[in-house]
Amino acid sequence: MKVCIPTMGNGGMEEAICQHFGQAPTFTLVDLDTKEVQILTNVSEHVGGSGLPTDQLKDQGVKVMIVGGLGPKAIQNFAEQCVEVFIGATGTVKDAIEDWKEGLLTKASSDNACKDHRH
């Protein structure tokens, strides 16, 4: 299963999580079965490119997004793509995956979406 975490750079499992999903400089994808780590540069409109960050990740085979927080539009877009989203992640990619596996993160919903991102 492939999980994705918005990150601050190219540090792989030790990279810090970016707390603003759409403006993350990178997305770190981890295949939990093969342990392969892939880093994608965020080229969405949120960082001066085009398209939405959810669209950029759409064809990557991601089944779970682990984030600090995100807005309701992103939650809806991921739901339409059958991607589960969990919020409350902090620390590094490794920390976030461990917290998710231990059930310490919360499933994202419109009720717990970032209030500053209702656009």
C-alpha atoms as a PDB file:
ATOM      1  CA  MET A   1       0.000   0.000   0.000  1.00  0.00           C
ATOM      2  CA  LYS A   2       1.265   3.456  -0.900  1.00  0.00           C
ATOM      3  CA  VAL A   3       0.985   6.364   1.536  1.00  0.00           C
ATOM      4  CA  CYS A   4       1.800  10.011   0.888  1.00  0.00           C
ATOM      5  CA  ILE A   5       2.936  12.771   3.225  1.00  0.00           C
ATOM      6  CA  PRO A   6       3.374  16.481   2.317  1.00  0.00           C
ATOM      7  CA  THR A   7       6.976  17.361   3.150  1.00  0.00           C
ATOM      8  CA  MET A   8       9.464  20.213   3.325  1.00  0.00           C
ATOM      9  CA  GLY A   9      12.157  18.686   1.097  1.00  0.00           C
ATOM     10  CA  ASN A  10      13.973  15.625  -0.197  1.00  0.00           C
ATOM     11  CA  GLY A  11      15.011  13.911   3.051  1.00  0.00           C
ATOM     12  CA  GLY A  12      12.921  10.775   2.599  1.00  0.00           C
ATOM     13  CA  MET A  13      11.816   9.055   5.805  1.00  0.00           C
ATOM     14  CA  GLU A  14      13.617  11.647   7.951  1.00  0.00           C
ATOM     15  CA  GLU A  15      12.092  14.685   6.196  1.00  0.00           C
ATOM     16  CA  ALA A  16       9.893  17.086   8.164  1.00  0.00           C
ATOM     17  CA  ILE A  17       6.186  17.172   7.433  1.00  0.00           C
ATOM     18  CA  CYS A  18       4.828  20.359   5.874  1.00  0.00           C
ATOM     19  CA  GLN A  19       1.818  21.465   7.894  1.00  0.00           C
ATOM     20  CA  HIS A  20       0.151  23.198   4.911  1.00  0.00           C
ATOM     21  CA  PHE A  21      -0.788  20.404   2.489  1.00  0.00           C
ATOM     22  CA  GLY A  22      -1.295  22.510  -0.652  1.00  0.00           C
ATOM     23  CA  GLN A  23       1.877  24.535  -0.216  1.00  0.00           C
ATOM     24  CA  ALA A  24       4.176  21.626   0.608  1.00  0.00           C
ATOM     25  CA  PRO A  25       7.377  21.867  -1.461  1.00  0.00           C
ATOM     26  CA  THR A  26       7.383  18.078  -1.909  1.00  0.00           C
ATOM     27  CA  PHE A  27       5.255  14.993  -1.438  1.00  0.00           C
ATOM     28  CA  THR A  28       6.959  11.896  -0.061  1.00  0.00           C
ATOM     29  CA  LEU A  29       5.369   8.629  -1.189  1.00  0.00           C
ATOM     30  CA  VAL A  30       6.167   5.444   0.709  1.00  0.00           C
ATOM     31  CA  ASP A  31       5.217   1.976  -0.483  1.00  0.00           C
ATOM     32  CA  LEU A  32       4.691   0.083   2.767  1.00  0.00           C
ATOM     33  CA  ASP A  33       5.050  -3.272   1.024  1.00  0.00           C
ATOM     34  CA  THR A  34       8.321  -2.662  -0.838  1.00  0.00           C
ATOM     35  CA  LYS A  35       9.669   0.139   1.432  1.00  0.00           C
ATOM     36  CA  GLU A  36      10.354   2.203  -1.720  1.00  0.00           C
ATOM     37  CA  VAL A  37      10.426   5.955  -1.110  1.00  0.00           C
ATOM     38  CA  GLN A  38       9.594   8.384  -3.928  1.00  0.00           C
ATOM     39  CA  ILE A  39       9.723  12.169  -3.707  1.00  0.00           C
ATOM     40  CA  LEU A  40       7.605  14.368  -5.977  1.00  0.00           C
ATOM     41  CA  THR A  41       8.047  18.107  -6.312  1.00  0.00           C
ATOM     42  CA  ASN A  42       4.768  19.962  -5.799  1.00  0.00           C
ATOM     43  CA  VAL A  43       4.027  21.632  -9.133  1.00  0.00           C
ATOM     44  CA  SER A  44       0.449  22.679  -8.342  1.00  0.00           C
ATOM     45  CA  GLU A  45      -1.072  26.133  -8.600  1.00  0.00           C
ATOM     46  CA  HIS A  46      -0.539  26.556  -4.847  1.00  0.00           C
ATOM     47  CA  VAL A  47       3.201  26.901  -5.497  1.00  0.00           C
ATOM     48  CA  GLY A  48       3.053  28.722  -8.825  1.00  0.00           C
ATOM     49  CA  GLY A  49       2.363  25.829 -11.177  1.00  0.00           C
ATOM     50  CA  SER A  50      -0.949  24.557 -12.493  1.00  0.00           C
ATOM     51  CA  GLY A  51      -3.633  22.200 -11.281  1.00  0.00           C
ATOM     52  CA  LEU A  52      -4.477  21.065  -7.788  1.00  0.00           C
ATOM     53  CA  PRO A  53      -2.125  19.068  -5.545  1.00  0.00           C
ATOM     54  CA  THR A  54      -4.730  16.293  -5.404  1.00  0.00           C
ATOM     55  CA  ASP A  55      -4.628  16.046  -9.204  1.00  0.00           C
ATOM     56  CA  GLN A  56      -0.840  15.738  -9.162  1.00  0.00           C
ATOM     57  CA  LEU A  57      -1.087  12.751  -6.816  1.00  0.00           C
ATOM     58  CA  LYS A  58      -4.076  11.136  -8.538  1.00  0.00           C
ATOM     59  CA  ASP A  59      -2.136   8.725 -10.743  1.00  0.00           C
ATOM     60  CA  GLN A  60       0.514   7.760  -8.188  1.00  0.00           C
ATOM     61  CA  GLY A  61      -1.433   4.869  -6.634  1.00  0.00           C
ATOM     62  CA  VAL A  62      -1.739   6.581  -3.249  1.00  0.00           C
ATOM     63  CA  LYS A  63      -4.278   4.917  -0.939  1.00  0.00           C
ATOM     64  CA  VAL A  64      -3.633   6.960   2.237  1.00  0.00           C
ATOM     65  CA  MET A  65      -2.692  10.613   2.779  1.00  0.00           C
ATOM     66  CA  ILE A  66      -1.120  11.474   6.129  1.00  0.00           C
ATOM     67  CA  VAL A  67      -1.121  15.225   6.789  1.00  0.00           C
ATOM     68  CA  GLY A  68      -0.976  17.834   9.511  1.00  0.00           C
ATOM     69  CA  GLY A  69      -4.150  19.395   8.188  1.00  0.00           C
ATOM     70  CA  LEU A  70      -5.883  20.344   4.958  1.00  0.00           C
ATOM     71  CA  GLY A  71      -8.913  22.157   3.643  1.00  0.00           C
ATOM     72  CA  PRO A  72     -12.346  20.729   2.848  1.00  0.00           C
ATOM     73  CA  LYS A  73     -11.845  20.892  -0.929  1.00  0.00           C
ATOM     74  CA  ALA A  74      -8.787  18.640  -0.723  1.00  0.00           C
ATOM     75  CA  ILE A  75     -10.639  16.245   1.586  1.00  0.00           C
ATOM     76  CA  GLN A  76     -13.495  16.053  -0.928  1.00  0.00           C
ATOM     77  CA  ASN A  77     -11.133  15.563  -3.896  1.00  0.00           C
ATOM     78  CA  PHE A  78      -9.300  12.729  -2.139  1.00  0.00           C
ATOM     79  CA  ALA A  79     -12.614  11.096  -1.172  1.00  0.00           C
ATOM     80  CA  GLU A  80     -13.641  11.125  -4.838  1.00  0.00           C
ATOM     81  CA  GLN A  81     -10.342   9.364  -5.626  1.00  0.00           C
ATOM     82  CA  CYS A  82     -10.951   6.773  -2.856  1.00  0.00           C
ATOM     83  CA  VAL A  83      -7.925   8.004  -0.893  1.00  0.00           C
ATOM     84  CA  GLU A  84      -8.262   7.935   2.897  1.00  0.00           C
ATOM     85  CA  VAL A  85      -6.920  11.045   4.645  1.00  0.00           C
ATOM     86  CA  PHE A  86      -5.656  11.244   8.215  1.00  0.00           C
ATOM     87  CA  ILE A  87      -4.826  14.507  10.000  1.00  0.00           C
ATOM     88  CA  GLY A  88      -2.750  15.432  13.026  1.00  0.00           C
ATOM     89  CA  ALA A  89       0.626  14.294  11.745  1.00  0.00           C
ATOM     90  CA  THR A  90       3.763  15.991  13.090  1.00  0.00           C
ATOM     91  CA  GLY A  91       7.492  15.388  13.039  1.00  0.00           C
ATOM     92  CA  THR A  92       9.060  13.384  10.245  1.00  0.00           C
ATOM     93  CA  VAL A  93       7.658  11.067   7.588  1.00  0.00           C
ATOM     94  CA  LYS A  94       8.740   8.112   9.719  1.00  0.00           C
ATOM     95  CA  ASP A  95       6.991   9.572  12.803  1.00  0.00           C
ATOM     96  CA  ALA A  96       3.785  10.200  10.854  1.00  0.00           C
ATOM     97  CA  ILE A  97       3.617   6.679   9.447  1.00  0.00           C
ATOM     98  CA  GLU A  98       4.237   5.173  12.886  1.00  0.00           C
ATOM     99  CA  ASP A  99       1.531   7.378  14.443  1.00  0.00           C
ATOM    100  CA  TRP A 100      -0.907   6.390  11.687  1.00  0.00           C
ATOM    101  CA  LYS A 101      -0.149   2.680  12.143  1.00  0.00           C
ATOM    102  CA  GLU A 102      -0.735   3.054  15.902  1.00  0.00           C
ATOM    103  CA  GLY A 103      -4.118   4.724  15.297  1.00  0.00           C
ATOM    104  CA  LEU A 104      -3.041   8.064  16.768  1.00  0.00           C
ATOM    105  CA  LEU A 105      -4.216  10.177  13.818  1.00  0.00           C
ATOM    106  CA  THR A 106      -7.769  11.296  13.046  1.00  0.00           C
ATOM    107  CA  LYS A 107      -9.651  10.536   9.850  1.00  0.00           C
ATOM    108  CA  ALA A 108     -10.218  13.801   7.958  1.00  0.00           C
ATOM    109  CA  SER A 109     -13.729  15.171   7.517  1.00  0.00           C
ATOM    110  CA  SER A 110     -15.409  18.454   6.703  1.00  0.00           C
ATOM    111  CA  ASP A 111     -15.850  18.954  10.454  1.00  0.00           C
ATOM    112  CA  ASN A 112     -12.116  18.883  11.182  1.00  0.00           C
ATOM    113  CA  ALA A 113     -10.851  20.572   7.993  1.00  0.00           C
ATOM    114  CA  CYS A 114      -8.627  23.625   8.309  1.00  0.00           C
ATOM    115  CA  LYS A 115     -10.959  26.572   8.785  1.00  0.00           C
ATOM    116  CA  ASP A 116      -8.625  28.981   6.954  1.00  0.00           C
ATOM    117  CA  HIS A 117      -8.957  26.987   3.718  1.00  0.00           C
ATOM    118  CA  ARG A 118     -12.643  27.207   2.912  1.00  0.00           C
ATOM    119  CA  HIS A 119     -12.217  28.405  -0.673  1.00  0.00           C
END
